[in-house]
Protein backbone atom coordinates (compact mmCIF):
# COMPACT_ATOMS: atom_id res chain seq x y z
CA UNK A 1 -87.23 46.62 129.12
CA UNK A 2 -85.02 44.05 127.58
CA UNK A 3 -82.00 45.14 129.94
CA UNK A 4 -80.80 45.86 133.43
CA UNK A 5 -78.98 49.03 132.51
CA UNK A 6 -79.11 52.03 130.50
CA UNK A 7 -76.13 52.76 127.98
CA UNK A 8 -74.65 56.10 128.06
CA UNK A 9 -75.80 56.34 124.42
CA UNK A 10 -79.31 55.51 125.68
CA UNK A 11 -78.73 58.19 128.72
CA UNK A 12 -78.09 60.81 126.20
CA UNK A 13 -80.74 59.98 124.06
CA UNK A 14 -83.14 60.45 126.84
CA UNK A 15 -81.83 63.60 128.36
CA UNK A 16 -80.87 65.09 125.23
CA UNK A 17 -77.46 66.11 126.20
CA UNK A 18 -74.09 64.92 126.70
CA UNK A 19 -72.17 62.81 129.33
CA UNK A 20 -72.08 63.94 133.31
CA UNK A 21 -74.09 67.26 131.99
CA UNK A 22 -77.04 65.25 130.24
CA UNK A 23 -77.34 63.37 133.69
CA UNK A 24 -77.59 66.33 135.63
CA UNK A 25 -80.14 67.72 132.79
CA UNK A 26 -82.44 64.67 133.04
CA UNK A 27 -82.79 64.48 136.80
CA UNK A 28 -83.40 68.37 136.82
CA UNK A 29 -86.38 67.76 134.49
CA UNK A 30 -87.68 65.26 136.25
CA UNK A 31 -87.62 67.18 140.00
CA UNK A 32 -89.60 69.91 138.49
CA UNK A 33 -92.18 67.57 136.70
CA UNK A 34 -92.64 66.03 140.10
CA UNK A 35 -93.29 69.23 141.83
CA UNK A 36 -95.71 70.16 139.14
CA UNK A 37 -97.42 66.97 139.96
CA UNK A 38 -97.94 68.22 143.62
CA UNK A 39 -98.82 71.94 142.78
CA UNK A 40 -101.61 70.13 140.23
CA UNK A 41 -103.03 67.78 143.01
CA UNK A 42 -103.37 70.89 145.10
CA UNK A 43 -104.63 73.30 142.61
CA UNK A 44 -107.53 71.07 141.28
CA UNK A 45 -108.35 69.99 144.65
CA UNK A 46 -109.23 73.66 145.37
CA UNK A 47 -110.73 74.01 142.50
CA UNK A 48 -112.85 70.91 142.36
CA UNK A 49 -113.64 71.15 146.01
CA UNK A 50 -112.85 67.22 146.07
CA UNK A 51 -109.23 65.54 146.96
CA UNK A 52 -107.52 65.09 143.34
CA UNK A 53 -104.34 62.91 143.24
CA UNK A 54 -101.79 63.72 140.44
CA UNK A 55 -98.13 62.21 140.26
CA UNK A 56 -95.90 62.54 137.52
CA UNK A 57 -95.33 59.16 135.48
CA UNK A 58 -92.46 59.66 133.58
CA UNK A 59 -90.98 60.92 130.23
CA UNK A 60 -90.78 59.26 126.89
CA UNK A 61 -88.93 60.39 123.56
CA UNK A 62 -90.73 59.89 120.40
CA UNK A 63 -92.06 61.56 116.89
CA UNK A 64 -95.33 63.74 116.93
CA UNK A 65 -96.92 61.44 114.57
CA UNK A 66 -96.78 58.98 117.15
CA UNK A 67 -97.82 60.62 120.02
CA UNK A 68 -100.86 62.43 117.89
CA UNK A 69 -101.67 58.66 116.66
CA UNK A 70 -101.55 57.30 120.40
CA UNK A 71 -103.73 60.12 121.57
CA UNK A 72 -106.29 59.63 118.86
CA UNK A 73 -109.58 59.14 121.24
CA UNK A 74 -108.33 62.03 123.41
CA UNK A 75 -111.14 64.57 124.06
CA UNK A 76 -109.66 67.66 123.69
CA UNK A 77 -105.88 68.98 123.55
CA UNK A 78 -104.52 72.61 124.10
CA UNK A 79 -102.01 74.38 122.07
CA UNK A 80 -99.94 76.38 124.52
CA UNK A 81 -97.73 79.44 123.24
CA UNK A 82 -94.70 79.74 125.51
CA UNK A 83 -92.78 83.30 125.61
CA UNK A 84 -89.24 81.46 127.66
CA UNK A 85 -87.95 79.51 126.23
CA UNK A 86 -89.64 80.20 122.92
CA UNK A 87 -91.93 77.35 121.34
CA UNK A 88 -95.27 75.81 121.43
CA UNK A 89 -96.35 72.91 123.90
CA UNK A 90 -99.72 70.59 123.51
CA UNK A 91 -101.63 69.74 126.85
CA UNK A 92 -103.53 66.93 126.25
CA UNK A 93 -105.77 65.58 129.11
CA UNK A 94 -107.72 62.43 128.21
CA UNK A 95 -111.42 62.60 127.85
CA UNK A 96 -112.16 60.48 130.99
CA UNK A 97 -110.68 62.78 133.45
CA UNK A 98 -111.49 66.21 131.51
CA UNK A 99 -114.78 65.65 131.21
CA UNK A 100 -115.43 64.42 134.58
CA UNK A 101 -113.95 67.75 136.07
CA UNK A 102 -115.94 69.48 133.56
CA UNK A 103 -119.42 67.82 135.03
CA UNK A 104 -118.02 68.37 138.84
CA UNK A 105 -117.70 72.16 138.02
CA UNK A 106 -121.26 72.23 136.60
CA UNK A 107 -122.29 70.91 139.74
CA UNK A 108 -122.81 67.21 138.84
CA UNK A 109 -120.90 64.03 140.33
CA UNK A 110 -119.13 61.94 137.61
CA UNK A 111 -120.34 58.44 137.66
CA UNK A 112 -118.12 56.54 135.25
CA UNK A 113 -115.68 56.68 132.62
CA UNK A 114 -116.64 59.25 129.66
CA UNK A 115 -115.53 58.94 126.23
CA UNK A 116 -117.55 61.48 124.26
CA UNK A 117 -116.19 62.68 120.86
CA UNK A 118 -118.70 65.30 120.26
CA UNK A 119 -117.71 68.80 120.10
CA UNK A 120 -117.74 70.48 123.81
CA UNK A 121 -120.32 72.71 124.21
CA UNK A 122 -119.32 76.52 124.94
CA UNK A 123 -119.57 76.43 128.73
CA UNK A 124 -117.60 72.95 128.62
CA UNK A 125 -114.64 74.64 126.68
CA UNK A 126 -115.11 77.74 128.70
CA UNK A 127 -114.28 75.40 131.67
CA UNK A 128 -111.89 73.18 130.24
CA UNK A 129 -110.18 76.70 129.78
CA UNK A 130 -110.39 77.11 133.73
CA UNK A 131 -109.20 73.74 134.33
CA UNK A 132 -105.96 74.17 131.95
CA UNK A 133 -105.34 77.56 133.51
CA UNK A 134 -104.84 76.16 137.02
CA UNK A 135 -102.35 73.72 135.53
CA UNK A 136 -100.51 76.28 133.48
CA UNK A 137 -100.47 78.44 136.41
CA UNK A 138 -99.00 75.42 138.92
CA UNK A 139 -96.13 74.68 136.04
CA UNK A 140 -95.25 78.10 136.34
CA UNK A 141 -95.09 78.20 140.14
CA UNK A 142 -93.17 74.94 139.99
CA UNK A 143 -90.73 76.02 137.50
CA UNK A 144 -90.36 79.58 139.20
CA UNK A 145 -86.97 78.73 140.97
CA UNK A 146 -85.10 77.72 137.77
CA UNK A 147 -86.69 80.11 134.83
CA UNK A 148 -89.41 82.19 134.10
CA UNK A 149 -92.33 79.89 132.54
CA UNK A 150 -94.92 81.84 130.82
CA UNK A 151 -97.68 80.20 128.50
CA UNK A 152 -101.08 81.23 127.25
CA UNK A 153 -103.87 78.80 125.43
CA UNK A 154 -103.54 79.56 121.58
CA UNK A 155 -106.31 77.26 120.91
CA UNK A 156 -108.36 74.11 121.76
CA UNK A 157 -108.56 71.33 119.09
CA UNK A 158 -110.52 67.88 119.36
CA UNK A 159 -107.27 65.85 119.26
CA UNK A 160 -103.21 66.15 118.85
CA UNK A 161 -103.66 65.02 114.97
CA UNK A 162 -105.67 68.22 114.35
CA UNK A 163 -103.42 70.21 116.41
CA UNK A 164 -101.09 71.44 113.41
CA UNK A 165 -98.04 72.18 115.35
CA UNK A 166 -95.47 70.05 114.47
CA UNK A 167 -94.49 67.97 111.49
CA UNK A 168 -95.24 63.99 111.78
CA UNK A 169 -91.70 63.40 111.90
CA UNK A 170 -90.78 65.90 114.54
CA UNK A 171 -88.97 64.48 117.68
CA UNK A 172 -90.57 65.34 120.83
CA UNK A 173 -90.52 64.74 124.54
CA UNK A 174 -93.84 63.70 126.04
CA UNK A 175 -94.21 64.23 130.12
CA UNK A 176 -97.03 61.81 131.48
CA UNK A 177 -98.84 62.75 134.92
CA UNK A 178 -101.86 60.50 136.15
CA UNK A 179 -104.48 62.45 137.52
CA UNK A 180 -107.55 60.86 139.97
CA UNK A 181 -110.52 61.52 141.92
CA UNK A 182 -113.96 60.72 142.71
CA UNK A 183 -112.99 57.12 141.53
CA UNK A 184 -111.95 58.02 138.00
CA UNK A 185 -108.25 58.18 136.77
CA UNK A 186 -106.66 59.09 133.48
CA UNK A 187 -103.59 60.41 132.04
CA UNK A 188 -102.49 63.92 131.02
CA UNK A 189 -99.61 64.46 128.46
CA UNK A 190 -97.88 67.53 127.98
CA UNK A 191 -95.95 66.95 124.49
CA UNK A 192 -92.74 69.44 123.83
CA UNK A 193 -90.33 69.43 121.03
CA UNK A 194 -86.90 67.95 121.98
CA UNK A 195 -85.11 71.36 121.22
CA UNK A 196 -87.64 72.87 123.66
CA UNK A 197 -86.86 70.36 126.64
CA UNK A 198 -83.16 70.83 125.89
CA UNK A 199 -83.25 74.32 126.26
CA UNK A 200 -85.47 73.98 129.55
CA UNK A 201 -83.19 71.18 130.78
CA UNK A 202 -80.32 73.50 130.23
CA UNK A 203 -81.64 76.24 132.08
CA UNK A 204 -82.94 74.14 135.23
CA UNK A 205 -79.70 73.18 135.67
CA UNK A 206 -77.96 76.48 135.13
CA UNK A 207 -80.27 77.49 138.17
CA UNK A 208 -79.00 75.13 140.07
CA UNK A 209 -81.20 72.10 140.39
CA UNK A 210 -79.57 68.99 141.85
CA UNK A 211 -78.06 66.03 140.24
CA UNK A 212 -77.80 62.43 141.04
CA UNK A 213 -77.26 59.54 138.47
CA UNK A 214 -78.06 57.43 135.92
CA UNK A 215 -79.80 54.92 138.08
CA UNK A 216 -82.58 57.44 139.06
CA UNK A 217 -83.41 58.00 135.20
CA UNK A 218 -83.67 54.17 134.47
CA UNK A 219 -86.11 53.99 137.45
CA UNK A 220 -88.34 56.75 136.11
CA UNK A 221 -88.45 55.04 132.66
CA UNK A 222 -89.40 51.86 134.80
CA UNK A 223 -92.18 53.66 136.53
CA UNK A 224 -93.38 55.40 133.24
CA UNK A 225 -96.89 54.31 131.67
CA UNK A 226 -97.22 52.65 128.30
CA UNK A 227 -100.73 51.82 126.84
CA UNK A 228 -100.84 48.12 125.66
CA UNK A 229 -103.59 47.33 123.02
CA UNK A 230 -104.74 43.85 121.77
CA UNK A 231 -107.08 43.66 118.53
CA UNK A 232 -109.47 40.78 118.43
CA UNK A 233 -110.57 41.13 114.88
CA UNK A 234 -111.88 43.51 112.36
CA UNK A 235 -114.58 43.32 109.75
CA UNK A 236 -117.62 45.02 107.92
CA UNK A 237 -121.24 44.85 108.19
CA UNK A 238 -123.73 46.53 106.19
CA UNK A 239 -125.60 49.43 108.18
CA UNK A 240 -129.07 47.50 107.60
CA UNK A 241 -127.42 44.68 109.82
CA UNK A 242 -126.18 46.95 112.13
CA UNK A 243 -129.43 48.37 112.79
CA UNK A 244 -131.20 45.01 113.27
CA UNK A 245 -128.33 43.53 115.70
CA UNK A 246 -129.86 42.40 119.19
CA UNK A 247 -128.48 40.36 122.06
CA UNK A 248 -127.32 36.77 121.59
CA UNK A 249 -126.52 37.36 117.67
CA UNK A 250 -123.18 36.54 116.51
CA UNK A 251 -120.56 38.81 114.08
CA UNK A 252 -118.27 36.74 112.17
CA UNK A 253 -115.00 37.64 111.07
CA UNK A 254 -112.32 36.58 108.70
CA UNK A 255 -109.85 36.04 111.24
CA UNK A 256 -108.98 32.19 111.65
CA UNK A 257 -109.40 31.23 115.22
CA UNK A 258 -105.86 29.71 115.49
CA UNK A 259 -104.13 32.99 114.17
CA UNK A 260 -102.18 34.78 116.97
CA UNK A 261 -103.64 38.67 118.16
CA UNK A 262 -100.90 41.21 118.06
CA UNK A 263 -100.36 43.36 120.89
CA UNK A 264 -99.36 47.47 120.25
CA UNK A 265 -97.17 49.38 122.46
CA UNK A 266 -98.13 52.92 122.52
CA UNK A 267 -99.39 52.34 118.90
CA UNK A 268 -96.56 50.36 117.77
CA UNK A 269 -96.69 46.22 116.69
CA UNK A 270 -94.31 44.53 119.29
CA UNK A 271 -95.50 41.02 119.96
CA UNK A 272 -97.73 38.22 118.76
CA UNK A 273 -99.86 36.82 121.78
CA UNK A 274 -102.67 34.40 122.59
CA UNK A 275 -105.63 35.29 124.55
CA UNK A 276 -106.61 33.41 127.86
CA UNK A 277 -107.18 33.63 131.36
CA UNK A 278 -105.35 34.01 134.79
CA UNK A 279 -106.49 33.71 138.20
CA UNK A 280 -110.38 34.65 136.76
CA UNK A 281 -109.16 37.61 134.53
CA UNK A 282 -108.64 38.02 130.98
CA UNK A 283 -104.90 37.44 130.14
CA UNK A 284 -102.83 37.35 127.02
CA UNK A 285 -99.53 35.31 126.63
CA UNK A 286 -96.87 36.49 124.65
CA UNK A 287 -95.67 33.98 121.96
CA UNK A 288 -93.29 36.24 120.28
CA UNK A 289 -91.57 39.40 119.50
CA UNK A 290 -92.69 40.86 116.03
CA UNK A 291 -90.50 41.20 113.15
CA UNK A 292 -88.71 44.56 113.04
CA UNK A 293 -89.85 45.81 116.33
């Protein structure tokens, strides 16, 4: 973040309310998501028969279109219909963690990241819904002290961009969770419309959840995860050339070697950078901010 303190306007924008009530609602919402993460760890550990870690990583506000584009590589997402507050949510587990859990339920041992884009088989779809059912039930229990959360899976899609729930410009709030087990880890995002989130925050506050202060909201944002991506270059080659590529072949691009690269933060171009190394690891050095970022 560019500054040490959140302004009152930024606090309002984060929490969807106004003044002290907004701060109270924001903290209440974060508290229930932390409880949900604790429930997920216990529920998934029981289902997987292996220790599963889960933590709430933070909240962020963005447009649905930006959320969808940032989750383009997600193996599957689930559209949830919620009775109260009424609305539709999108639950999007990363393909790595979802397919690893499915492999575990099928009796195998996940041995590395899975980035399969093929459609899931019927048995995989059923196991995916079984995993999601555990997550939904744990959300219900975590939120039961404040309001009666009831949701069901309406349909599963191959990615948020195909989950035709909202317009691209619709403002949403995304709660990110991080799951880990058997040496693998990946995020699970819960996407909610800002209106639904505001309604939920109001109910949580009315239910007597504790309030703290704006500094805790700031800390929650600092602990939130964002995706950084640097693209080296793009080019096109003929299919015949691709078929004959072998070890040691070079693929040239139109990108001049002295041109800076651009780093994307959650799908948005932010900085011009230079590649390099640091303490034996690949690294990038930020040169300047992209104009308009």
